[in-house]
Amino acid sequence: MPYTSLAATADIPAEKSLAVTHDGKKLLICHSVGEFFVIENRCSHAEEPLDCGRVRAGWVACPVHGARFDLATGAAMNPPAKDPIVTYPARIVDGRVEADLG
């Protein structure tokens, strides 16, 4: 599956995120620990968007109940979340974040 260009790296400061939608998929691009991650913009516990959550040290926190998720693996790091979130392979090409959304 080809990679899809989603946003310019310059639009996402360190330890911040940017919500985007592509072909109906609600995504969140997170810039943390010097890397860019693309995840589904949905908490696996409360089904709430993650785009207002804190991004720190390779994780994002759900703004509703504080569940944290590992940005690289999607694994839930603390209750109340138990299930992982969806992550997508990401890369940087010519200053843009691309993801394999297949």
PDB file of N, CA and C in Angstrom:
ATOM      1  N   MET A   1       0.866  -1.183   0.000  1.00  0.00           N
ATOM      2  CA  MET A   1       0.000   0.000   0.000  1.00  0.00           C
ATOM      3  C   MET A   1       0.900   1.229   0.000  1.00  0.00           C
ATOM      4  N   PRO A   2       0.616   2.185  -0.838  1.00  0.00           N
ATOM      5  CA  PRO A   2       1.446   3.395  -0.882  1.00  0.00           C
ATOM      6  C   PRO A   2       1.219   4.279   0.347  1.00  0.00           C
ATOM      7  N   TYR A   3       2.241   5.039   0.658  1.00  0.00           N
ATOM      8  CA  TYR A   3       2.133   5.998   1.756  1.00  0.00           C
ATOM      9  C   TYR A   3       1.354   7.226   1.292  1.00  0.00           C
ATOM     10  N   THR A   4       0.626   7.837   2.217  1.00  0.00           N
ATOM     11  CA  THR A   4      -0.189   9.016   1.950  1.00  0.00           C
ATOM     12  C   THR A   4       0.399  10.213   2.673  1.00  0.00           C
ATOM     13  N   SER A   5       0.578  11.306   1.964  1.00  0.00           N
ATOM     14  CA  SER A   5       1.079  12.539   2.567  1.00  0.00           C
ATOM     15  C   SER A   5      -0.045  13.183   3.371  1.00  0.00           C
ATOM     16  N   LEU A   6       0.257  13.525   4.640  1.00  0.00           N
ATOM     17  CA  LEU A   6      -0.785  14.045   5.530  1.00  0.00           C
ATOM     18  C   LEU A   6      -0.583  15.486   5.971  1.00  0.00           C
ATOM     19  N   ALA A   7       0.661  15.894   6.245  1.00  0.00           N
ATOM     20  CA  ALA A   7       0.899  17.248   6.767  1.00  0.00           C
ATOM     21  C   ALA A   7       2.386  17.569   6.705  1.00  0.00           C
ATOM     22  N   ALA A   8       2.681  18.857   6.770  1.00  0.00           N
ATOM     23  CA  ALA A   8       4.076  19.316   6.827  1.00  0.00           C
ATOM     24  C   ALA A   8       4.601  19.149   8.253  1.00  0.00           C
ATOM     25  N   THR A   9       5.828  18.682   8.378  1.00  0.00           N
ATOM     26  CA  THR A   9       6.424  18.530   9.707  1.00  0.00           C
ATOM     27  C   THR A   9       6.485  19.875  10.429  1.00  0.00           C
ATOM     28  N   ALA A  10       6.665  20.947   9.685  1.00  0.00           N
ATOM     29  CA  ALA A  10       6.766  22.283  10.285  1.00  0.00           C
ATOM     30  C   ALA A  10       5.471  22.717  10.972  1.00  0.00           C
ATOM     31  N   ASP A  11       4.364  22.075  10.633  1.00  0.00           N
ATOM     32  CA  ASP A  11       3.064  22.430  11.226  1.00  0.00           C
ATOM     33  C   ASP A  11       2.814  21.762  12.580  1.00  0.00           C
ATOM     34  N   ILE A  12       3.753  20.904  13.025  1.00  0.00           N
ATOM     35  CA  ILE A  12       3.531  20.163  14.261  1.00  0.00           C
ATOM     36  C   ILE A  12       4.749  20.334  15.171  1.00  0.00           C
ATOM     37  N   PRO A  13       4.679  21.271  16.117  1.00  0.00           N
ATOM     38  CA  PRO A  13       5.797  21.489  17.040  1.00  0.00           C
ATOM     39  C   PRO A  13       6.061  20.261  17.918  1.00  0.00           C
ATOM     40  N   ALA A  14       7.236  20.209  18.515  1.00  0.00           N
ATOM     41  CA  ALA A  14       7.588  19.115  19.412  1.00  0.00           C
ATOM     42  C   ALA A  14       6.598  19.022  20.572  1.00  0.00           C
ATOM     43  N   GLU A  15       6.247  17.799  20.919  1.00  0.00           N
ATOM     44  CA  GLU A  15       5.308  17.473  22.004  1.00  0.00           C
ATOM     45  C   GLU A  15       3.912  18.047  21.769  1.00  0.00           C
ATOM     46  N   LYS A  16       3.537  18.126  20.489  1.00  0.00           N
ATOM     47  CA  LYS A  16       2.197  18.579  20.090  1.00  0.00           C
ATOM     48  C   LYS A  16       1.629  17.586  19.088  1.00  0.00           C
ATOM     49  N   SER A  17       0.379  17.807  18.703  1.00  0.00           N
ATOM     50  CA  SER A  17      -0.274  16.931  17.735  1.00  0.00           C
ATOM     51  C   SER A  17      -1.116  17.751  16.764  1.00  0.00           C
ATOM     52  N   LEU A  18      -1.504  17.098  15.677  1.00  0.00           N
ATOM     53  CA  LEU A  18      -2.351  17.725  14.669  1.00  0.00           C
ATOM     54  C   LEU A  18      -3.375  16.703  14.202  1.00  0.00           C
ATOM     55  N   ALA A  19      -4.658  17.038  14.326  1.00  0.00           N
ATOM     56  CA  ALA A  19      -5.731  16.158  13.865  1.00  0.00           C
ATOM     57  C   ALA A  19      -5.955  16.381  12.376  1.00  0.00           C
ATOM     58  N   VAL A  20      -6.066  15.288  11.635  1.00  0.00           N
ATOM     59  CA  VAL A  20      -6.348  15.349  10.202  1.00  0.00           C
ATOM     60  C   VAL A  20      -7.351  14.249   9.870  1.00  0.00           C
ATOM     61  N   THR A  21      -8.048  14.426   8.760  1.00  0.00           N
ATOM     62  CA  THR A  21      -8.952  13.398   8.261  1.00  0.00           C
ATOM     63  C   THR A  21      -8.551  13.074   6.838  1.00  0.00           C
ATOM     64  N   HIS A  22      -8.442  11.779   6.536  1.00  0.00           N
ATOM     65  CA  HIS A  22      -8.105  11.353   5.183  1.00  0.00           C
ATOM     66  C   HIS A  22      -9.008  10.183   4.802  1.00  0.00           C
ATOM     67  N   ASP A  23      -9.749  10.337   3.720  1.00  0.00           N
ATOM     68  CA  ASP A  23     -10.681   9.306   3.250  1.00  0.00           C
ATOM     69  C   ASP A  23     -11.591   8.806   4.372  1.00  0.00           C
ATOM     70  N   GLY A  24     -12.065   9.730   5.199  1.00  0.00           N
ATOM     71  CA  GLY A  24     -12.982   9.382   6.279  1.00  0.00           C
ATOM     72  C   GLY A  24     -12.320   8.883   7.545  1.00  0.00           C
ATOM     73  N   LYS A  25     -11.002   8.645   7.512  1.00  0.00           N
ATOM     74  CA  LYS A  25     -10.288   8.200   8.712  1.00  0.00           C
ATOM     75  C   LYS A  25      -9.864   9.410   9.527  1.00  0.00           C
ATOM     76  N   LYS A  26     -10.228   9.414  10.799  1.00  0.00           N
ATOM     77  CA  LYS A  26      -9.820  10.485  11.712  1.00  0.00           C
ATOM     78  C   LYS A  26      -8.489  10.086  12.325  1.00  0.00           C
ATOM     79  N   LEU A  27      -7.470  10.871  12.026  1.00  0.00           N
ATOM     80  CA  LEU A  27      -6.102  10.556  12.417  1.00  0.00           C
ATOM     81  C   LEU A  27      -5.530  11.635  13.312  1.00  0.00           C
ATOM     82  N   LEU A  28      -4.493  11.274  14.050  1.00  0.00           N
ATOM     83  CA  LEU A  28      -3.763  12.229  14.857  1.00  0.00           C
ATOM     84  C   LEU A  28      -2.280  12.021  14.587  1.00  0.00           C
ATOM     85  N   ILE A  29      -1.613  13.092  14.163  1.00  0.00           N
ATOM     86  CA  ILE A  29      -0.170  13.057  13.963  1.00  0.00           C
ATOM     87  C   ILE A  29       0.456  13.655  15.210  1.00  0.00           C
ATOM     88  N   CYS A  30       1.316  12.889  15.856  1.00  0.00           N
ATOM     89  CA  CYS A  30       1.965  13.336  17.087  1.00  0.00           C
ATOM     90  C   CYS A  30       3.468  13.478  16.858  1.00  0.00           C
ATOM     91  N   HIS A  31       4.033  14.550  17.391  1.00  0.00           N
ATOM     92  CA  HIS A  31       5.474  14.805  17.305  1.00  0.00           C
ATOM     93  C   HIS A  31       6.023  14.716  18.716  1.00  0.00           C
ATOM     94  N   SER A  32       6.756  13.646  18.990  1.00  0.00           N
ATOM     95  CA  SER A  32       7.283  13.440  20.342  1.00  0.00           C
ATOM     96  C   SER A  32       8.597  12.683  20.271  1.00  0.00           C
ATOM     97  N   VAL A  33       9.451  12.913  21.218  1.00  0.00           N
ATOM     98  CA  VAL A  33      10.780  12.304  21.309  1.00  0.00           C
ATOM     99  C   VAL A  33      11.526  12.352  19.971  1.00  0.00           C
ATOM    100  N   GLY A  34      11.341  13.467  19.246  1.00  0.00           N
ATOM    101  CA  GLY A  34      12.043  13.659  17.986  1.00  0.00           C
ATOM    102  C   GLY A  34      11.503  12.863  16.819  1.00  0.00           C
ATOM    103  N   GLU A  35      10.369  12.210  16.986  1.00  0.00           N
ATOM    104  CA  GLU A  35       9.767  11.396  15.928  1.00  0.00           C
ATOM    105  C   GLU A  35       8.328  11.827  15.676  1.00  0.00           C
ATOM    106  N   PHE A  36       7.813  11.396  14.533  1.00  0.00           N
ATOM    107  CA  PHE A  36       6.414  11.635  14.193  1.00  0.00           C
ATOM    108  C   PHE A  36       5.689  10.301  14.164  1.00  0.00           C
ATOM    109  N   PHE A  37       4.500  10.291  14.764  1.00  0.00           N
ATOM    110  CA  PHE A  37       3.678   9.090  14.859  1.00  0.00           C
ATOM    111  C   PHE A  37       2.298   9.403  14.302  1.00  0.00           C
ATOM    112  N   VAL A  38       1.668   8.423  13.664  1.00  0.00           N
ATOM    113  CA  VAL A  38       0.304   8.584  13.167  1.00  0.00           C
ATOM    114  C   VAL A  38      -0.556   7.512  13.831  1.00  0.00           C
ATOM    115  N   ILE A  39      -1.619   7.968  14.493  1.00  0.00           N
ATOM    116  CA  ILE A  39      -2.518   7.074  15.210  1.00  0.00           C
ATOM    117  C   ILE A  39      -3.954   7.409  14.843  1.00  0.00           C
ATOM    118  N   GLU A  40      -4.858   6.491  15.149  1.00  0.00           N
ATOM    119  CA  GLU A  40      -6.281   6.780  15.024  1.00  0.00           C
ATOM    120  C   GLU A  40      -6.640   7.769  16.127  1.00  0.00           C
ATOM    121  N   ASN A  41      -7.412   8.781  15.787  1.00  0.00           N
ATOM    122  CA  ASN A  41      -7.777   9.822  16.754  1.00  0.00           C
ATOM    123  C   ASN A  41      -8.993   9.378  17.568  1.00  0.00           C
ATOM    124  N   ARG A  42      -8.779   8.282  18.361  1.00  0.00           N
ATOM    125  CA  ARG A  42      -9.880   7.733  19.148  1.00  0.00           C
ATOM    126  C   ARG A  42      -9.335   6.922  20.309  1.00  0.00           C
ATOM    127  N   CYS A  43      -9.782   7.247  21.498  1.00  0.00           N
ATOM    128  CA  CYS A  43      -9.418   6.493  22.696  1.00  0.00           C
ATOM    129  C   CYS A  43     -10.114   5.136  22.665  1.00  0.00           C
ATOM    130  N   SER A  44      -9.390   4.079  22.976  1.00  0.00           N
ATOM    131  CA  SER A  44      -9.986   2.736  22.958  1.00  0.00           C
ATOM    132  C   SER A  44     -10.916   2.493  24.149  1.00  0.00           C
ATOM    133  N   HIS A  45     -10.844   3.341  25.150  1.00  0.00           N
ATOM    134  CA  HIS A  45     -11.694   3.174  26.331  1.00  0.00           C
ATOM    135  C   HIS A  45     -12.997   3.967  26.213  1.00  0.00           C
ATOM    136  N   ALA A  46     -12.881   5.262  25.984  1.00  0.00           N
ATOM    137  CA  ALA A  46     -14.064   6.128  26.014  1.00  0.00           C
ATOM    138  C   ALA A  46     -14.560   6.511  24.621  1.00  0.00           C
ATOM    139  N   GLU A  47     -13.852   6.037  23.566  1.00  0.00           N
ATOM    140  CA  GLU A  47     -14.230   6.375  22.188  1.00  0.00           C
ATOM    141  C   GLU A  47     -14.169   7.879  21.929  1.00  0.00           C
ATOM    142  N   GLU A  48     -13.430   8.595  22.749  1.00  0.00           N
ATOM    143  CA  GLU A  48     -13.301  10.052  22.621  1.00  0.00           C
ATOM    144  C   GLU A  48     -12.090  10.403  21.758  1.00  0.00           C
ATOM    145  N   PRO A  49     -12.122  11.565  21.082  1.00  0.00           N
ATOM    146  CA  PRO A  49     -10.955  12.005  20.321  1.00  0.00           C
ATOM    147  C   PRO A  49      -9.768  12.271  21.248  1.00  0.00           C
ATOM    148  N   LEU A  50      -8.582  12.006  20.736  1.00  0.00           N
ATOM    149  CA  LEU A  50      -7.360  12.205  21.512  1.00  0.00           C
ATOM    150  C   LEU A  50      -6.674  13.531  21.204  1.00  0.00           C
ATOM    151  N   ASP A  51      -7.202  14.298  20.247  1.00  0.00           N
ATOM    152  CA  ASP A  51      -6.483  15.488  19.788  1.00  0.00           C
ATOM    153  C   ASP A  51      -6.362  16.607  20.823  1.00  0.00           C
ATOM    154  N   CYS A  52      -7.113  16.570  21.885  1.00  0.00           N
ATOM    155  CA  CYS A  52      -6.944  17.576  22.941  1.00  0.00           C
ATOM    156  C   CYS A  52      -6.085  17.041  24.086  1.00  0.00           C
ATOM    157  N   GLY A  53      -5.597  15.827  23.932  1.00  0.00           N
ATOM    158  CA  GLY A  53      -4.789  15.217  24.979  1.00  0.00           C
ATOM    159  C   GLY A  53      -3.339  15.661  24.942  1.00  0.00           C
ATOM    160  N   ARG A  54      -2.655  15.505  26.077  1.00  0.00           N
ATOM    161  CA  ARG A  54      -1.236  15.854  26.182  1.00  0.00           C
ATOM    162  C   ARG A  54      -0.380  14.842  25.437  1.00  0.00           C
ATOM    163  N   VAL A  55       0.642  15.349  24.763  1.00  0.00           N
ATOM    164  CA  VAL A  55       1.641  14.509  24.106  1.00  0.00           C
ATOM    165  C   VAL A  55       2.955  14.741  24.843  1.00  0.00           C
ATOM    166  N   ARG A  56       3.535  13.675  25.372  1.00  0.00           N
ATOM    167  CA  ARG A  56       4.782  13.774  26.125  1.00  0.00           C
ATOM    168  C   ARG A  56       5.553  12.462  26.026  1.00  0.00           C
ATOM    169  N   ALA A  57       6.850  12.540  25.945  1.00  0.00           N
ATOM    170  CA  ALA A  57       7.759  11.395  26.117  1.00  0.00           C
ATOM    171  C   ALA A  57       7.304  10.119  25.404  1.00  0.00           C
ATOM    172  N   GLY A  58       6.735  10.256  24.201  1.00  0.00           N
ATOM    173  CA  GLY A  58       6.334   9.079  23.433  1.00  0.00           C
ATOM    174  C   GLY A  58       4.962   8.534  23.752  1.00  0.00           C
ATOM    175  N   TRP A  59       4.130   9.317  24.433  1.00  0.00           N
ATOM    176  CA  TRP A  59       2.762   8.889  24.703  1.00  0.00           C
ATOM    177  C   TRP A  59       1.773  10.036  24.498  1.00  0.00           C
ATOM    178  N   VAL A  60       0.499   9.667  24.354  1.00  0.00           N
ATOM    179  CA  VAL A  60      -0.591  10.643  24.296  1.00  0.00           C
ATOM    180  C   VAL A  60      -1.601  10.248  25.371  1.00  0.00           C
ATOM    181  N   ALA A  61      -2.173  11.247  26.033  1.00  0.00           N
ATOM    182  CA  ALA A  61      -3.161  10.994  27.088  1.00  0.00           C
ATOM    183  C   ALA A  61      -4.553  11.372  26.608  1.00  0.00           C
ATOM    184  N   CYS A  62      -5.514  10.539  26.917  1.00  0.00           N
ATOM    185  CA  CYS A  62      -6.908  10.854  26.609  1.00  0.00           C
ATOM    186  C   CYS A  62      -7.338  12.009  27.511  1.00  0.00           C
ATOM    187  N   PRO A  63      -7.940  13.053  26.929  1.00  0.00           N
ATOM    188  CA  PRO A  63      -8.340  14.200  27.744  1.00  0.00           C
ATOM    189  C   PRO A  63      -9.538  13.925  28.650  1.00  0.00           C
ATOM    190  N   VAL A  64     -10.244  12.817  28.463  1.00  0.00           N
ATOM    191  CA  VAL A  64     -11.437  12.548  29.257  1.00  0.00           C
ATOM    192  C   VAL A  64     -11.105  11.851  30.577  1.00  0.00           C
ATOM    193  N   HIS A  65     -10.410  10.715  30.509  1.00  0.00           N
ATOM    194  CA  HIS A  65     -10.125   9.952  31.724  1.00  0.00           C
ATOM    195  C   HIS A  65      -8.641   9.800  32.021  1.00  0.00           C
ATOM    196  N   GLY A  66      -7.770  10.361  31.188  1.00  0.00           N
ATOM    197  CA  GLY A  66      -6.339  10.340  31.466  1.00  0.00           C
ATOM    198  C   GLY A  66      -5.607   9.078  31.061  1.00  0.00           C
ATOM    199  N   ALA A  67      -6.267   8.159  30.371  1.00  0.00           N
ATOM    200  CA  ALA A  67      -5.566   6.959  29.901  1.00  0.00           C
ATOM    201  C   ALA A  67      -4.460   7.381  28.945  1.00  0.00           C
ATOM    202  N   ARG A  68      -3.297   6.748  29.078  1.00  0.00           N
ATOM    203  CA  ARG A  68      -2.175   7.065  28.197  1.00  0.00           C
ATOM    204  C   ARG A  68      -1.916   5.904  27.249  1.00  0.00           C
ATOM    205  N   PHE A  69      -1.458   6.259  26.037  1.00  0.00           N
ATOM    206  CA  PHE A  69      -1.173   5.266  25.015  1.00  0.00           C
ATOM    207  C   PHE A  69       0.214   5.500  24.448  1.00  0.00           C
ATOM    208  N   ASP A  70       0.965   4.407  24.253  1.00  0.00           N
ATOM    209  CA  ASP A  70       2.284   4.464  23.651  1.00  0.00           C
ATOM    210  C   ASP A  70       2.119   4.809  22.170  1.00  0.00           C
ATOM    211  N   LEU A  71       2.790   5.861  21.717  1.00  0.00           N
ATOM    212  CA  LEU A  71       2.628   6.312  20.339  1.00  0.00           C
ATOM    213  C   LEU A  71       3.228   5.345  19.323  1.00  0.00           C
ATOM    214  N   ALA A  72       4.252   4.614  19.699  1.00  0.00           N
ATOM    215  CA  ALA A  72       4.898   3.698  18.757  1.00  0.00           C
ATOM    216  C   ALA A  72       4.121   2.395  18.589  1.00  0.00           C
ATOM    217  N   THR A  73       3.552   1.888  19.684  1.00  0.00           N
ATOM    218  CA  THR A  73       2.894   0.583  19.628  1.00  0.00           C
ATOM    219  C   THR A  73       1.378   0.660  19.744  1.00  0.00           C
ATOM    220  N   GLY A  74       0.868   1.757  20.285  1.00  0.00           N
ATOM    221  CA  GLY A  74      -0.561   1.888  20.530  1.00  0.00           C
ATOM    222  C   GLY A  74      -1.001   1.269  21.843  1.00  0.00           C
ATOM    223  N   ALA A  75      -0.101   0.632  22.571  1.00  0.00           N
ATOM    224  CA  ALA A  75      -0.455  -0.064  23.810  1.00  0.00           C
ATOM    225  C   ALA A  75      -0.998   0.899  24.863  1.00  0.00           C
ATOM    226  N   ALA A  76      -2.030   0.442  25.568  1.00  0.00           N
ATOM    227  CA  ALA A  76      -2.562   1.200  26.703  1.00  0.00           C
ATOM    228  C   ALA A  76      -1.540   1.116  27.828  1.00  0.00           C
ATOM    229  N   MET A  77      -1.222   2.264  28.436  1.00  0.00           N
ATOM    230  CA  MET A  77      -0.192   2.315  29.461  1.00  0.00           C
ATOM    231  C   MET A  77      -0.753   2.346  30.879  1.00  0.00           C
ATOM    232  N   ASN A  78      -2.022   2.694  31.038  1.00  0.00           N
ATOM    233  CA  ASN A  78      -2.629   2.748  32.371  1.00  0.00           C
ATOM    234  C   ASN A  78      -4.147   2.699  32.263  1.00  0.00           C
ATOM    235  N   PRO A  79      -4.813   2.295  33.360  1.00  0.00           N
ATOM    236  CA  PRO A  79      -6.282   2.299  33.369  1.00  0.00           C
ATOM    237  C   PRO A  79      -6.804   3.727  33.250  1.00  0.00           C
ATOM    238  N   PRO A  80      -8.016   3.885  32.786  1.00  0.00           N
ATOM    239  CA  PRO A  80      -9.006   2.844  32.580  1.00  0.00           C
ATOM    240  C   PRO A  80      -8.889   2.118  31.244  1.00  0.00           C
ATOM    241  N   ALA A  81      -8.010   2.536  30.355  1.00  0.00           N
ATOM    242  CA  ALA A  81      -7.873   1.864  29.054  1.00  0.00           C
ATOM    243  C   ALA A  81      -7.157   0.523  29.223  1.00  0.00           C
ATOM    244  N   LYS A  82      -7.636  -0.464  28.491  1.00  0.00           N
ATOM    245  CA  LYS A  82      -7.006  -1.781  28.465  1.00  0.00           C
ATOM    246  C   LYS A  82      -6.578  -2.152  27.050  1.00  0.00           C
ATOM    247  N   ASP A  83      -7.378  -1.737  26.079  1.00  0.00           N
ATOM    248  CA  ASP A  83      -7.120  -2.103  24.685  1.00  0.00           C
ATOM    249  C   ASP A  83      -6.207  -1.075  24.015  1.00  0.00           C
ATOM    250  N   PRO A  84      -5.401  -1.521  23.055  1.00  0.00           N
ATOM    251  CA  PRO A  84      -4.526  -0.593  22.332  1.00  0.00           C
ATOM    252  C   PRO A  84      -5.317   0.280  21.370  1.00  0.00           C
ATOM    253  N   ILE A  85      -4.669   1.340  20.900  1.00  0.00           N
ATOM    254  CA  ILE A  85      -5.230   2.170  19.839  1.00  0.00           C
ATOM    255  C   ILE A  85      -4.548   1.773  18.528  1.00  0.00           C
ATOM    256  N   VAL A  86      -5.142   2.169  17.420  1.00  0.00           N
ATOM    257  CA  VAL A  86      -4.597   1.844  16.101  1.00  0.00           C
ATOM    258  C   VAL A  86      -3.455   2.797  15.774  1.00  0.00           C
ATOM    259  N   THR A  87      -2.331   2.225  15.331  1.00  0.00           N
ATOM    260  CA  THR A  87      -1.195   3.024  14.876  1.00  0.00           C
ATOM    261  C   THR A  87      -0.939   2.715  13.414  1.00  0.00           C
ATOM    262  N   TYR A  88      -0.319   3.645  12.717  1.00  0.00           N
ATOM    263  CA  TYR A  88       0.004   3.474  11.306  1.00  0.00           C
ATOM    264  C   TYR A  88       1.490   3.718  11.084  1.00  0.00           C
ATOM    265  N   PRO A  89       2.145   2.920  10.220  1.00  0.00           N
ATOM    266  CA  PRO A  89       3.547   3.183   9.893  1.00  0.00           C
ATOM    267  C   PRO A  89       3.684   4.587   9.308  1.00  0.00           C
ATOM    268  N   ALA A  90       4.657   5.336   9.817  1.00  0.00           N
ATOM    269  CA  ALA A  90       4.848   6.718   9.356  1.00  0.00           C
ATOM    270  C   ALA A  90       6.293   6.927   8.929  1.00  0.00           C
ATOM    271  N   ARG A  91       6.480   7.902   8.059  1.00  0.00           N
ATOM    272  CA  ARG A  91       7.816   8.297   7.617  1.00  0.00           C
ATOM    273  C   ARG A  91       7.779   9.763   7.228  1.00  0.00           C
ATOM    274  N   ILE A  92       8.965  10.355   7.096  1.00  0.00           N
ATOM    275  CA  ILE A  92       9.098  11.749   6.673  1.00  0.00           C
ATOM    276  C   ILE A  92       9.736  11.762   5.296  1.00  0.00           C
ATOM    277  N   VAL A  93       9.085  12.434   4.351  1.00  0.00           N
ATOM    278  CA  VAL A  93       9.617  12.582   2.996  1.00  0.00           C
ATOM    279  C   VAL A  93       9.475  14.043   2.600  1.00  0.00           C
ATOM    280  N   ASP A  94      10.605  14.668   2.281  1.00  0.00           N
ATOM    281  CA  ASP A  94      10.619  16.071   1.836  1.00  0.00           C
ATOM    282  C   ASP A  94       9.863  16.995   2.794  1.00  0.00           C
ATOM    283  N   GLY A  95      10.070  16.787   4.101  1.00  0.00           N
ATOM    284  CA  GLY A  95       9.458  17.667   5.087  1.00  0.00           C
ATOM    285  C   GLY A  95       7.983  17.444   5.327  1.00  0.00           C
ATOM    286  N   ARG A  96       7.470  16.291   4.897  1.00  0.00           N
ATOM    287  CA  ARG A  96       6.054  15.978   5.099  1.00  0.00           C
ATOM    288  C   ARG A  96       5.913  14.635   5.811  1.00  0.00           C
ATOM    289  N   VAL A  97       4.901  14.551   6.670  1.00  0.00           N
ATOM    290  CA  VAL A  97       4.593  13.300   7.352  1.00  0.00           C
ATOM    291  C   VAL A  97       3.716  12.462   6.413  1.00  0.00           C
ATOM    292  N   GLU A  98       4.164  11.225   6.178  1.00  0.00           N
ATOM    293  CA  GLU A  98       3.400  10.291   5.359  1.00  0.00           C
ATOM    294  C   GLU A  98       3.086   9.074   6.215  1.00  0.00           C
ATOM    295  N   ALA A  99       1.962   8.423   5.909  1.00  0.00           N
ATOM    296  CA  ALA A  99       1.582   7.215   6.643  1.00  0.00           C
ATOM    297  C   ALA A  99       1.024   6.172   5.689  1.00  0.00           C
ATOM    298  N   ASP A 100       1.230   4.916   6.039  1.00  0.00           N
ATOM    299  CA  ASP A 100       0.642   3.793   5.324  1.00  0.00           C
ATOM    300  C   ASP A 100      -0.700   3.516   5.995  1.00  0.00           C
ATOM    301  N   LEU A 101      -1.776   3.952   5.382  1.00  0.00           N
ATOM    302  CA  LEU A 101      -3.108   3.852   5.985  1.00  0.00           C
ATOM    303  C   LEU A 101      -3.847   2.577   5.569  1.00  0.00           C
ATOM    304  N   GLY A 102      -3.135   1.688   4.856  1.00  0.00           N
ATOM    305  CA  GLY A 102      -3.727   0.461   4.364  1.00  0.00           C
ATOM    306  C   GLY A 102      -4.246  -0.414   5.431  1.00  0.00           C
TER     307      GLY A 102
END
